[in-house]
Amino acid sequence: MPPRELAGPHASTPVELKERLEAERRGSPFVLYRDAEGRQAIVTLDAAAPPVTIGRRSHNDVVLGWDAEVSRVHAQLEPVGGEWMLVDDGLSRNGSYVNGQRIAGRRRLRDGDRLCFGETPVLFCAAAREGSLSTAAVGAGEIAIPLTGAQRAVLVALCRPMKDSAYAAPASNREIAEEVHLSVDAVKAHLRVIFERLGLEDVPQNQKRARLAALALVNGLVHQHDF
């Protein structure tokens, strides 16, 4: 069984990106993985709660019951001095990995670390540090984002397919162009400006549109009544 991918051109729907942005917005660290059906799962980490257990048993906090390479109780996530540690003190049969390296005992985790248990990847996401700017914090209520009438029309058109289904893909450049009566090149130019203003220039090209749509909906840049 190949490992489940956490990101890619078809891995994340707009609603899944929205869920992740909302998790980032809450400010607590969390882990993200895909379940047996390939659906996104997010588990928030609470430093005041008991350690988070990972394994095949149903009573674990992160249940990976479909993965035969994962032990019944495989590993734990523990808070230590404001940081989170991955702990595998011989609990697992096949070991635990961080960014491709097998750990021995404990490993301090950093935002964006890719953990692997059996054949299942799990992404560790830490809360944004004070003074940093996460994509979840970018919103009309927190940062002024000047948009022209044409740019706003493009943004609304991008998000329109999600009016009836949060799992729909954002509109294509051609679909937007037809709705707002602009050329495809003009639509691309407007989107480039919006990407820059929201700090999305460095997001992989195949994820930009879904990321922008999720941000627009999460942060109130586009509302249901706009449709």
Protein backbone atom coordinates (compact mmCIF):
# COMPACT_ATOMS: atom_id res chain seq x y z
CA MET A 1 0.00 0.00 0.00
CA PRO A 2 1.59 3.35 -1.02
CA PRO A 3 1.83 6.10 1.60
CA ARG A 4 -1.09 8.54 1.63
CA GLU A 5 -0.03 11.91 0.29
CA LEU A 6 -0.63 14.97 2.46
CA ALA A 7 -0.38 17.54 -0.33
CA GLY A 8 -0.44 17.69 -4.07
CA PRO A 9 -2.50 18.89 -7.00
CA HIS A 10 -5.49 16.72 -6.10
CA ALA A 11 -4.89 16.01 -2.40
CA SER A 12 -6.57 18.98 -0.70
CA THR A 13 -10.05 20.25 -1.47
CA PRO A 14 -11.01 23.85 -0.65
CA VAL A 15 -12.99 22.68 2.38
CA GLU A 16 -9.96 20.75 3.66
CA LEU A 17 -7.79 23.83 3.24
CA LYS A 18 -10.45 25.81 5.10
CA GLU A 19 -10.37 23.29 7.97
CA ARG A 20 -6.59 23.55 8.14
CA LEU A 21 -6.68 27.35 8.13
CA GLU A 22 -9.23 27.28 10.95
CA ALA A 23 -6.96 24.94 12.92
CA GLU A 24 -4.01 27.30 12.35
CA ARG A 25 -6.16 30.22 13.43
CA ARG A 26 -6.93 28.60 16.79
CA GLY A 27 -3.22 28.87 17.58
CA SER A 28 -2.62 25.39 19.05
CA PRO A 29 -0.27 22.84 17.49
CA PHE A 30 -1.95 20.00 15.62
CA VAL A 31 -1.21 16.95 13.51
CA LEU A 32 -2.76 16.30 10.11
CA TYR A 33 -3.10 12.99 8.27
CA ARG A 34 -5.47 11.09 5.98
CA ASP A 35 -7.75 8.31 7.17
CA ALA A 36 -8.52 4.97 5.51
CA GLU A 37 -10.81 6.67 2.96
CA GLY A 38 -8.26 9.38 2.19
CA ARG A 39 -10.13 12.08 4.12
CA GLN A 40 -8.19 14.73 6.00
CA ALA A 41 -8.05 14.32 9.78
CA ILE A 42 -6.81 16.98 12.20
CA VAL A 43 -6.00 16.32 15.86
CA THR A 44 -5.33 19.38 18.02
CA LEU A 45 -2.58 19.00 20.62
CA ASP A 46 -3.33 20.22 24.14
CA ALA A 47 -0.36 20.66 26.48
CA ALA A 48 -2.67 20.37 29.51
CA ALA A 49 -4.02 16.97 28.43
CA PRO A 50 -2.33 13.55 28.70
CA PRO A 51 0.21 12.58 26.01
CA VAL A 52 -1.28 11.90 22.59
CA THR A 53 -1.07 8.22 21.65
CA ILE A 54 -0.65 6.98 18.08
CA GLY A 55 -1.43 3.44 16.95
CA ARG A 56 -3.86 0.91 15.49
CA ARG A 57 -6.07 0.50 18.57
CA SER A 58 -9.34 2.41 18.49
CA HIS A 59 -8.71 4.10 21.85
CA ASN A 60 -5.59 5.88 20.58
CA ASP A 61 -5.85 9.63 19.99
CA VAL A 62 -4.48 9.23 16.46
CA VAL A 63 -5.97 5.99 15.15
CA LEU A 64 -4.19 4.42 12.16
CA GLY A 65 -6.11 1.15 12.26
CA TRP A 66 -5.89 0.48 8.49
CA ASP A 67 -2.07 0.41 8.44
CA ALA A 68 -0.81 -3.09 9.19
CA GLU A 69 2.74 -1.74 9.64
CA VAL A 70 1.64 0.36 12.63
CA SER A 71 1.75 -1.21 16.11
CA ARG A 72 -1.26 -1.29 18.42
CA VAL A 73 0.38 1.47 20.47
CA HIS A 74 3.08 2.85 18.21
CA ALA A 75 4.29 6.18 19.62
CA GLN A 76 3.33 9.23 21.65
CA LEU A 77 3.38 13.00 21.33
CA GLU A 78 4.30 14.74 24.58
CA PRO A 79 4.60 18.42 25.55
CA VAL A 80 7.90 19.39 27.18
CA GLY A 81 8.63 22.98 28.18
CA GLY A 82 6.37 24.52 25.58
CA GLU A 83 7.63 22.23 22.80
CA TRP A 84 6.30 18.91 21.49
CA MET A 85 8.28 15.69 21.37
CA LEU A 86 7.70 12.52 19.39
CA VAL A 87 8.40 9.57 21.69
CA ASP A 88 9.03 6.00 20.56
CA ASP A 89 10.84 4.18 23.35
CA GLY A 90 10.60 0.77 21.73
CA LEU A 91 6.79 0.87 21.61
CA SER A 92 6.61 0.20 17.89
CA ARG A 93 7.56 -2.84 15.86
CA ASN A 94 8.70 -0.91 12.77
CA GLY A 95 9.87 2.38 14.28
CA SER A 96 8.85 6.01 13.87
CA TYR A 97 10.37 8.50 11.44
CA VAL A 98 10.79 12.28 11.29
CA ASN A 99 11.64 13.73 7.89
CA GLY A 100 12.81 10.32 6.71
CA GLN A 101 15.06 9.54 9.68
CA ARG A 102 14.21 6.86 12.22
CA ILE A 103 14.18 8.22 15.74
CA ALA A 104 15.61 6.53 18.80
CA GLY A 105 13.71 7.52 21.93
CA ARG A 106 12.64 11.16 21.61
CA ARG A 107 12.75 13.86 18.96
CA ARG A 108 11.79 17.50 19.34
CA LEU A 109 9.34 18.54 16.63
CA ARG A 110 9.27 21.70 14.55
CA ASP A 111 6.54 23.19 12.42
CA GLY A 112 6.26 21.35 9.11
CA ASP A 113 7.98 18.15 10.26
CA ARG A 114 6.76 15.09 8.36
CA LEU A 115 6.30 12.11 10.66
CA CYS A 116 5.80 8.58 9.39
CA PHE A 117 4.32 5.59 11.20
CA GLY A 118 4.25 2.40 9.16
CA GLU A 119 3.23 3.63 5.71
CA THR A 120 1.19 6.60 6.96
CA PRO A 121 2.63 10.15 6.84
CA VAL A 122 1.52 12.65 9.47
CA LEU A 123 2.25 16.38 9.31
CA PHE A 124 3.11 18.28 12.51
CA CYS A 125 1.96 21.91 12.50
CA ALA A 126 3.03 24.23 15.30
CA ALA A 127 1.27 27.43 16.28
CA ALA A 128 2.60 30.58 14.62
CA ARG A 129 5.25 32.33 16.66
CA GLU A 130 4.46 35.73 18.09
CA GLY A 131 5.11 38.41 15.51
CA SER A 132 5.03 36.01 12.58
CA LEU A 133 2.43 36.10 9.86
CA SER A 134 0.66 32.86 9.09
CA THR A 135 -1.67 32.48 6.18
CA ALA A 136 -4.51 31.92 8.63
CA ALA A 137 -3.97 35.37 10.12
CA VAL A 138 -4.37 37.13 6.82
CA GLY A 139 -7.88 38.47 6.71
CA ALA A 140 -9.91 41.58 6.04
CA GLY A 141 -10.50 42.04 9.74
CA GLU A 142 -6.77 41.85 10.61
CA ILE A 143 -4.91 43.24 7.63
CA ALA A 144 -6.16 45.86 5.19
CA ILE A 145 -6.29 44.30 1.74
CA PRO A 146 -7.22 46.90 -0.85
CA LEU A 147 -9.08 45.37 -3.79
CA THR A 148 -10.39 47.15 -6.85
CA GLY A 149 -13.90 46.36 -8.07
CA ALA A 150 -12.47 44.15 -10.80
CA GLN A 151 -10.19 42.27 -8.36
CA ARG A 152 -13.09 41.65 -5.99
CA ALA A 153 -15.26 40.42 -8.87
CA VAL A 154 -12.49 37.99 -9.87
CA LEU A 155 -12.20 36.72 -6.29
CA VAL A 156 -15.96 36.17 -5.98
CA ALA A 157 -16.02 34.35 -9.32
CA LEU A 158 -13.11 32.15 -8.20
CA CYS A 159 -15.09 31.06 -5.12
CA ARG A 160 -18.51 30.78 -6.79
CA PRO A 161 -18.39 26.98 -7.40
CA MET A 162 -18.25 26.55 -3.60
CA LYS A 163 -21.64 28.20 -3.18
CA ASP A 164 -23.39 24.82 -3.43
CA SER A 165 -20.53 22.49 -2.53
CA ALA A 166 -17.61 23.29 -0.26
CA TYR A 167 -15.74 20.41 -1.91
CA ALA A 168 -15.96 21.93 -5.39
CA ALA A 169 -12.83 23.13 -7.16
CA PRO A 170 -12.37 26.89 -7.60
CA ALA A 171 -13.38 28.33 -10.96
CA SER A 172 -10.85 28.19 -13.80
CA ASN A 173 -9.37 31.36 -15.31
CA ARG A 174 -11.60 30.93 -18.36
CA GLU A 175 -14.72 30.50 -16.24
CA ILE A 176 -13.82 33.63 -14.28
CA ALA A 177 -13.13 35.55 -17.48
CA GLU A 178 -16.55 34.63 -18.88
CA GLU A 179 -18.31 35.68 -15.68
CA VAL A 180 -16.60 39.04 -15.20
CA HIS A 181 -16.26 39.85 -18.92
CA LEU A 182 -12.47 40.15 -18.92
CA SER A 183 -9.76 38.43 -20.91
CA VAL A 184 -8.04 35.39 -19.43
CA ASP A 185 -4.79 37.38 -19.29
CA ALA A 186 -6.53 40.13 -17.31
CA VAL A 187 -7.89 37.55 -14.86
CA LYS A 188 -4.39 36.11 -14.39
CA ALA A 189 -3.00 39.59 -13.74
CA HIS A 190 -5.65 40.33 -11.10
CA LEU A 191 -5.05 36.98 -9.40
CA ARG A 192 -1.29 37.62 -9.30
CA VAL A 193 -1.92 40.87 -7.43
CA ILE A 194 -4.25 39.16 -4.95
CA PHE A 195 -1.76 36.31 -4.40
CA GLU A 196 0.94 38.88 -3.57
CA ARG A 197 -1.29 40.86 -1.21
CA LEU A 198 -2.22 37.73 0.70
CA GLY A 199 1.36 36.42 0.82
CA LEU A 200 0.64 33.41 -1.39
CA GLU A 201 3.37 33.97 -4.00
CA ASP A 202 5.46 31.05 -2.71
CA VAL A 203 2.61 28.55 -2.44
CA PRO A 204 3.04 25.75 -5.04
CA GLN A 205 1.31 26.69 -8.27
CA ASN A 206 -1.04 23.71 -8.15
CA GLN A 207 -2.30 24.75 -4.70
CA LYS A 208 -2.57 28.54 -5.05
CA ARG A 209 -6.15 28.79 -6.28
CA ALA A 210 -7.62 26.46 -3.65
CA ARG A 211 -5.55 28.17 -0.95
CA LEU A 212 -6.77 31.59 -2.05
CA ALA A 213 -10.39 30.46 -2.15
CA ALA A 214 -10.11 28.96 1.34
CA LEU A 215 -8.51 32.13 2.70
CA ALA A 216 -11.18 34.30 1.12
CA LEU A 217 -13.99 32.26 2.67
CA VAL A 218 -12.37 31.77 6.09
CA ASN A 219 -11.49 35.43 6.52
CA GLY A 220 -14.68 36.93 5.16
CA LEU A 221 -13.22 38.40 2.00
CA VAL A 222 -16.05 36.60 0.20
CA HIS A 223 -19.44 35.92 1.82
CA GLN A 224 -22.36 33.74 0.83
CA HIS A 225 -24.40 36.82 -0.04
CA ASP A 226 -21.75 37.75 -2.64
CA PHE A 227 -22.92 34.81 -4.71
